[in-house]
């Protein structure tokens, strides 16, 4: 009798833990103000508010995990986390990820190439990158011409802070990023004095997607999440979040 009772208690505990896990939405977050930041131990930003609105619509509780971009992507691809924000939709990523539809944001800000003012490096065309060492975020996808190029010497780093520091130390000649994502990482005076934006830039809009893991129980929510995402986009909720 005691044995049967023990088995029953273990079964009940297992069911309780499983139900709790099923109600959680683990989101891999990389710091990228104004989309996501960590202030006084709390995650804040546009992406955080969007996740909260989306998860609430399907009765899930978001749990945020901070990680470098490449680590975040790996966690979701392997089902160690459920969701990631701000991805380009690529064929190789679709092997492990479900991209919610529609895209939650169209990125209008151009991709810029940052150099040190003191180096006087001129980048007037894409070809001018061929003889330079270009810093980029590890695992990131920027635009096809850059991503597929095999001539440019690319140095992959884990954060925007590393990109800035490597440029300041002369370890790279230039790095690629959006200006809005770089500005929060250093004083404005230092930025204006030491950094120059190259004339050449990639100035085409890119869709930004929310993706969930195919190796997570959250994949069962894919259709519902897409439906609610569409509602949040069409009723202006996401626009209002981004306008705050």
Protein backbone atom coordinates (compact mmCIF):
# COMPACT_ATOMS: atom_id res chain seq x y z
CA UNK A 1 0.00 0.00 0.00
CA UNK A 2 2.82 2.40 0.88
CA UNK A 3 4.52 1.52 -2.43
CA UNK A 4 1.38 2.36 -4.42
CA UNK A 5 0.99 5.61 -2.52
CA UNK A 6 4.59 6.55 -3.27
CA UNK A 7 4.13 5.82 -6.97
CA UNK A 8 0.94 7.92 -7.00
CA UNK A 9 2.69 10.85 -5.31
CA UNK A 10 5.59 10.68 -7.78
CA UNK A 11 3.11 10.62 -10.68
CA UNK A 12 1.23 13.64 -9.31
CA UNK A 13 4.49 15.54 -8.80
CA UNK A 14 5.61 14.70 -12.34
CA UNK A 15 2.31 15.91 -13.79
CA UNK A 16 2.56 19.13 -11.77
CA UNK A 17 6.11 19.84 -12.96
CA UNK A 18 5.14 19.07 -16.57
CA UNK A 19 2.13 21.40 -16.39
CA UNK A 20 4.27 24.20 -14.93
CA UNK A 21 6.87 23.75 -17.69
CA UNK A 22 4.14 23.74 -20.33
CA UNK A 23 2.92 27.13 -19.12
CA UNK A 24 6.35 28.76 -19.37
CA UNK A 25 7.76 30.41 -22.47
CA UNK A 26 11.55 30.56 -22.30
CA UNK A 27 12.82 33.44 -24.43
CA UNK A 28 16.50 33.76 -25.38
CA UNK A 29 17.33 37.48 -25.25
CA UNK A 30 20.46 39.25 -26.47
CA UNK A 31 21.04 42.80 -25.31
CA UNK A 32 20.31 45.28 -28.11
CA UNK A 33 18.87 48.61 -26.96
CA UNK A 34 16.24 49.85 -27.61
CA UNK A 35 14.86 46.39 -28.42
CA UNK A 36 16.14 44.67 -25.29
CA UNK A 37 18.19 45.87 -22.33
CA UNK A 38 18.84 44.94 -18.71
CA UNK A 39 18.18 47.79 -16.28
CA UNK A 40 18.47 47.27 -12.50
CA UNK A 41 18.17 43.52 -13.00
CA UNK A 42 15.01 43.77 -15.11
CA UNK A 43 14.64 43.16 -18.82
CA UNK A 44 13.12 46.15 -20.62
CA UNK A 45 12.63 47.25 -24.20
CA UNK A 46 10.39 46.88 -27.21
CA UNK A 47 10.99 43.16 -27.71
CA UNK A 48 10.31 42.46 -24.04
CA UNK A 49 6.93 44.24 -24.18
CA UNK A 50 6.03 42.46 -27.42
CA UNK A 51 6.83 39.05 -25.93
CA UNK A 52 4.73 39.84 -22.87
CA UNK A 53 1.75 40.87 -25.02
CA UNK A 54 2.10 37.83 -27.26
CA UNK A 55 2.58 35.29 -24.45
CA UNK A 56 -0.36 36.70 -22.49
CA UNK A 57 -2.65 36.07 -25.46
CA UNK A 58 -1.98 32.31 -25.25
CA UNK A 59 -1.74 32.16 -21.44
CA UNK A 60 2.03 31.56 -21.26
CA UNK A 61 4.46 33.04 -18.75
CA UNK A 62 7.63 34.45 -20.35
CA UNK A 63 10.98 33.66 -18.76
CA UNK A 64 13.91 35.59 -20.23
CA UNK A 65 17.41 34.17 -20.58
CA UNK A 66 20.23 36.60 -21.38
CA UNK A 67 22.83 35.32 -23.83
CA UNK A 68 25.10 36.50 -26.67
CA UNK A 69 23.33 36.31 -30.04
CA UNK A 70 25.08 33.13 -31.23
CA UNK A 71 24.34 31.40 -27.91
CA UNK A 72 20.69 32.51 -27.99
CA UNK A 73 20.31 31.13 -31.49
CA UNK A 74 21.91 27.81 -30.51
CA UNK A 75 19.69 27.47 -27.42
CA UNK A 76 16.54 27.84 -29.50
CA UNK A 77 17.77 25.64 -32.35
CA UNK A 78 18.41 22.82 -29.88
CA UNK A 79 15.20 23.31 -27.90
CA UNK A 80 16.97 24.57 -24.75
CA UNK A 81 14.95 27.77 -25.12
CA UNK A 82 11.59 28.25 -26.82
CA UNK A 83 11.73 31.60 -28.60
CA UNK A 84 14.05 34.21 -30.08
CA UNK A 85 13.32 37.67 -31.51
CA UNK A 86 14.63 39.75 -34.39
CA UNK A 87 15.76 37.11 -36.90
CA UNK A 88 16.09 37.20 -40.65
CA UNK A 89 14.21 34.31 -42.21
CA UNK A 90 16.81 32.01 -43.79
CA UNK A 91 16.40 28.55 -45.30
CA UNK A 92 19.06 26.94 -43.10
CA UNK A 93 17.42 28.34 -39.97
CA UNK A 94 14.06 26.82 -40.93
CA UNK A 95 15.49 23.35 -40.30
CA UNK A 96 15.18 23.93 -36.56
CA UNK A 97 12.96 27.00 -36.24
CA UNK A 98 9.35 27.91 -36.96
CA UNK A 99 9.07 31.54 -38.03
CA UNK A 100 5.87 33.15 -36.82
CA UNK A 101 3.95 35.03 -39.46
CA UNK A 102 3.74 37.91 -40.17
CA UNK A 103 7.10 39.54 -39.35
CA UNK A 104 6.60 41.67 -36.26
CA UNK A 105 8.78 44.49 -37.53
CA UNK A 106 10.28 45.87 -40.72
CA UNK A 107 13.78 47.13 -39.98
CA UNK A 108 14.18 50.45 -41.82
CA UNK A 109 17.45 51.62 -40.30
CA UNK A 110 20.42 51.05 -42.63
CA UNK A 111 23.36 48.82 -41.85
CA UNK A 112 26.42 51.04 -41.47
CA UNK A 113 30.16 50.45 -41.51
CA UNK A 114 31.98 52.08 -38.58
CA UNK A 115 35.63 53.13 -38.76
CA UNK A 116 37.96 55.16 -36.55
CA UNK A 117 38.12 58.81 -37.57
CA UNK A 118 41.89 58.83 -36.96
CA UNK A 119 42.45 56.05 -39.52
CA UNK A 120 40.82 57.97 -42.38
CA UNK A 121 39.58 54.79 -44.07
CA UNK A 122 37.34 55.46 -47.07
CA UNK A 123 34.59 52.93 -47.84
CA UNK A 124 32.68 54.28 -50.80
CA UNK A 125 31.59 50.96 -52.28
CA UNK A 126 31.23 47.33 -51.26
CA UNK A 127 34.49 46.50 -53.04
CA UNK A 128 36.38 48.79 -50.65
CA UNK A 129 35.80 46.22 -47.90
CA UNK A 130 37.98 43.61 -49.64
CA UNK A 131 41.26 44.75 -48.10
CA UNK A 132 39.86 45.42 -44.63
CA UNK A 133 39.28 43.36 -41.51
CA UNK A 134 35.57 43.62 -40.74
CA UNK A 135 34.07 42.91 -37.33
CA UNK A 136 30.62 41.33 -37.09
CA UNK A 137 28.44 39.56 -34.55
CA UNK A 138 29.03 35.83 -34.43
CA UNK A 139 26.15 33.95 -36.06
CA UNK A 140 24.43 37.09 -37.33
CA UNK A 141 23.00 37.51 -40.82
CA UNK A 142 23.21 41.02 -42.34
CA UNK A 143 22.52 41.03 -46.08
CA UNK A 144 23.19 38.41 -48.75
CA UNK A 145 26.01 40.21 -50.55
CA UNK A 146 27.97 40.55 -47.30
CA UNK A 147 26.98 37.18 -45.80
CA UNK A 148 27.97 35.21 -48.91
CA UNK A 149 31.23 37.07 -49.64
CA UNK A 150 34.33 34.85 -49.29
CA UNK A 151 36.95 37.55 -49.94
CA UNK A 152 36.32 39.93 -47.04
CA UNK A 153 38.24 39.03 -43.88
CA UNK A 154 35.55 38.78 -41.21
CA UNK A 155 36.16 38.64 -37.46
CA UNK A 156 33.22 37.29 -35.48
CA UNK A 157 32.65 38.68 -31.98
CA UNK A 158 30.01 37.98 -29.37
CA UNK A 159 28.73 41.48 -28.56
CA UNK A 160 28.52 45.05 -29.81
CA UNK A 161 30.71 46.13 -26.91
CA UNK A 162 33.43 43.82 -28.24
CA UNK A 163 33.02 45.29 -31.72
CA UNK A 164 33.54 48.79 -30.33
CA UNK A 165 36.53 47.83 -28.18
CA UNK A 166 38.24 45.87 -30.97
CA UNK A 167 37.92 48.88 -33.29
CA UNK A 168 39.23 51.29 -30.65
CA UNK A 169 42.26 49.02 -30.10
CA UNK A 170 42.97 48.75 -33.81
CA UNK A 171 42.33 45.01 -33.89
CA UNK A 172 39.81 45.44 -36.71
CA UNK A 173 39.52 48.13 -39.39
CA UNK A 174 35.75 48.42 -39.44
CA UNK A 175 32.61 46.79 -38.09
CA UNK A 176 29.09 46.46 -39.43
CA UNK A 177 26.04 47.40 -37.35
CA UNK A 178 23.02 49.66 -37.20
CA UNK A 179 23.71 53.03 -35.61
CA UNK A 180 20.76 52.73 -33.22
CA UNK A 181 22.28 49.54 -31.81
CA UNK A 182 25.73 51.07 -31.29
CA UNK A 183 24.88 54.43 -29.70
CA UNK A 184 23.69 53.02 -26.33
CA UNK A 185 27.05 51.33 -25.77
CA UNK A 186 29.31 54.36 -25.43
CA UNK A 187 29.23 58.07 -24.51
CA UNK A 188 27.90 60.30 -27.28
CA UNK A 189 30.97 62.58 -27.10
CA UNK A 190 33.33 59.65 -27.63
CA UNK A 191 31.17 58.38 -30.48
CA UNK A 192 31.19 61.74 -32.27
CA UNK A 193 34.94 62.28 -31.78
CA UNK A 194 36.33 58.85 -32.56
CA UNK A 195 33.93 57.13 -34.97
CA UNK A 196 33.13 57.77 -38.61
CA UNK A 197 30.31 56.27 -40.63
CA UNK A 198 31.42 55.07 -44.05
CA UNK A 199 29.74 56.53 -47.11
CA UNK A 200 28.79 53.04 -48.27
CA UNK A 201 25.82 51.53 -46.43
CA UNK A 202 23.17 48.88 -46.93
CA UNK A 203 19.91 50.77 -46.95
CA UNK A 204 17.15 48.29 -47.74
CA UNK A 205 14.36 47.30 -45.39
CA UNK A 206 14.53 43.86 -43.81
CA UNK A 207 11.75 41.84 -42.17
CA UNK A 208 12.39 40.89 -38.56
CA UNK A 209 10.76 37.69 -37.32
CA UNK A 210 9.94 35.93 -34.08
CA UNK A 211 10.98 32.28 -34.19
CA UNK A 212 10.22 29.30 -31.97
CA UNK A 213 12.04 26.00 -31.67
CA UNK A 214 10.86 22.89 -33.51
CA UNK A 215 12.38 20.92 -30.62
CA UNK A 216 10.25 22.52 -27.91
CA UNK A 217 6.71 21.84 -26.70
CA UNK A 218 6.00 25.46 -27.67
CA UNK A 219 5.83 24.36 -31.31
CA UNK A 220 2.28 23.21 -30.50
CA UNK A 221 1.41 26.89 -30.02
CA UNK A 222 2.80 27.95 -33.41
CA UNK A 223 -0.50 28.55 -35.18
CA UNK A 224 -2.06 30.32 -32.20
CA UNK A 225 1.00 32.49 -31.69
CA UNK A 226 1.03 33.47 -35.37
CA UNK A 227 -2.67 34.29 -35.24
CA UNK A 228 -2.26 36.49 -32.18
CA UNK A 229 0.88 38.08 -33.62
CA UNK A 230 -1.11 39.04 -36.71
CA UNK A 231 -3.72 40.64 -34.46
CA UNK A 232 -1.09 42.60 -32.53
CA UNK A 233 0.38 43.85 -35.81
CA UNK A 234 -2.92 44.77 -37.48
CA UNK A 235 -4.59 46.39 -34.46
CA UNK A 236 -1.63 48.68 -33.85
CA UNK A 237 -0.47 47.17 -30.53
CA UNK A 238 3.08 46.52 -31.70
CA UNK A 239 3.27 49.94 -33.35
CA UNK A 240 2.19 51.53 -30.06
CA UNK A 241 4.86 49.57 -28.16
CA UNK A 242 7.56 50.72 -30.58
CA UNK A 243 6.37 54.34 -30.39
CA UNK A 244 6.75 54.51 -26.60
